[in-house]
Amino acid sequence: MKVQVQIISACQDLRSMNEDLALVDCSKGVFGKMVESYIYQVASKRLKHPDCPIPCAIIKTIQVELGGAIPKDVVIKIERSG
């Protein structure tokens, strides 16, 4: 099964991922191991910051669209201690 992905963002690096993600084969790391994920391979090639949460969001969105995950908000909250 293949899905279309289109990233709309002010970030040029994220938009550059559209070239590789126009049609994603869901058997390539959408439900498997992170290190085998095509999405993370593309992100590694295109993005400068390893802390970008968007690759995870792309995978979650595909999973929800395919009915393999429940649509639920994900929040990352980071605070300094002390």
Protein backbone atom coordinates (compact mmCIF):
# COMPACT_ATOMS: atom_id res chain seq x y z
CA MET A 1 0.00 0.00 0.00
CA LYS A 2 1.25 3.49 -0.84
CA VAL A 3 0.21 6.89 0.49
CA GLN A 4 0.84 10.42 -0.67
CA VAL A 5 2.56 12.78 1.75
CA GLN A 6 2.76 16.54 1.33
CA ILE A 7 4.48 18.74 3.88
CA ILE A 8 3.38 22.36 4.06
CA SER A 9 5.77 24.33 6.24
CA ALA A 10 7.71 27.57 6.47
CA CYS A 11 10.82 25.38 6.92
CA GLN A 12 12.61 24.82 3.62
CA ASP A 13 14.30 21.66 4.91
CA LEU A 14 10.93 20.10 5.73
CA ARG A 15 9.50 21.09 2.36
CA SER A 16 12.51 19.48 0.66
CA MET A 17 11.32 16.13 2.07
CA ASN A 18 8.34 16.33 -0.31
CA GLU A 19 10.62 15.22 -3.15
CA ASP A 20 11.21 11.89 -1.42
CA LEU A 21 7.80 11.46 0.22
CA ALA A 22 5.46 12.12 -2.71
CA LEU A 23 4.48 8.44 -2.64
CA VAL A 24 5.42 6.39 0.43
CA ASP A 25 5.41 2.62 0.44
CA CYS A 26 3.88 1.78 3.82
CA SER A 27 5.83 -1.46 4.06
CA LYS A 28 9.03 0.57 4.48
CA GLY A 29 9.11 1.61 8.10
CA VAL A 30 5.69 3.02 8.84
CA PHE A 31 4.88 0.22 11.26
CA GLY A 32 8.33 -1.32 11.72
CA LYS A 33 11.58 -0.49 13.44
CA MET A 34 12.75 3.13 13.55
CA VAL A 35 16.16 2.37 12.04
CA GLU A 36 14.49 0.76 9.03
CA SER A 37 12.02 3.60 8.53
CA TYR A 38 12.09 5.25 5.12
CA ILE A 39 10.68 8.42 6.73
CA TYR A 40 13.61 8.64 9.15
CA GLN A 41 16.09 7.87 6.36
CA VAL A 42 14.70 10.79 4.35
CA ALA A 43 14.73 13.02 7.43
CA SER A 44 18.35 12.09 8.10
CA LYS A 45 19.25 13.11 4.56
CA ARG A 46 17.21 16.34 4.43
CA LEU A 47 17.01 17.79 7.96
CA LYS A 48 19.77 19.56 9.88
CA HIS A 49 18.35 19.06 13.38
CA PRO A 50 18.03 15.55 14.86
CA ASP A 51 15.51 16.83 17.43
CA CYS A 52 12.87 17.71 14.82
CA PRO A 53 9.57 16.05 15.81
CA ILE A 54 8.10 16.15 12.29
CA PRO A 55 9.33 12.72 11.09
CA CYS A 56 7.49 11.13 14.01
CA ALA A 57 4.40 13.20 13.18
CA ILE A 58 4.53 12.03 9.56
CA ILE A 59 4.65 8.38 10.62
CA LYS A 60 1.82 8.84 13.14
CA THR A 61 -0.33 10.61 10.53
CA ILE A 62 0.18 7.80 8.01
CA GLN A 63 -0.67 5.21 10.67
CA VAL A 64 -3.88 7.06 11.57
CA GLU A 65 -4.86 7.46 7.92
CA LEU A 66 -4.40 3.72 7.38
CA GLY A 67 -6.44 2.87 10.50
CA GLY A 68 -3.42 1.42 12.30
CA ALA A 69 -3.34 4.02 15.08
CA ILE A 70 -5.78 6.14 17.04
CA PRO A 71 -5.82 9.87 16.26
CA LYS A 72 -4.59 11.51 19.44
CA ASP A 73 -2.63 14.68 20.14
CA VAL A 74 1.00 14.24 21.10
CA VAL A 75 2.72 16.86 23.23
CA ILE A 76 6.38 17.31 24.02
CA LYS A 77 6.92 19.52 27.06
CA ILE A 78 10.43 20.30 28.22
CA GLU A 79 11.21 22.29 31.34
CA ARG A 80 14.43 23.18 33.06
CA SER A 81 14.87 21.80 36.51
CA GLY A 82 16.05 24.00 39.32
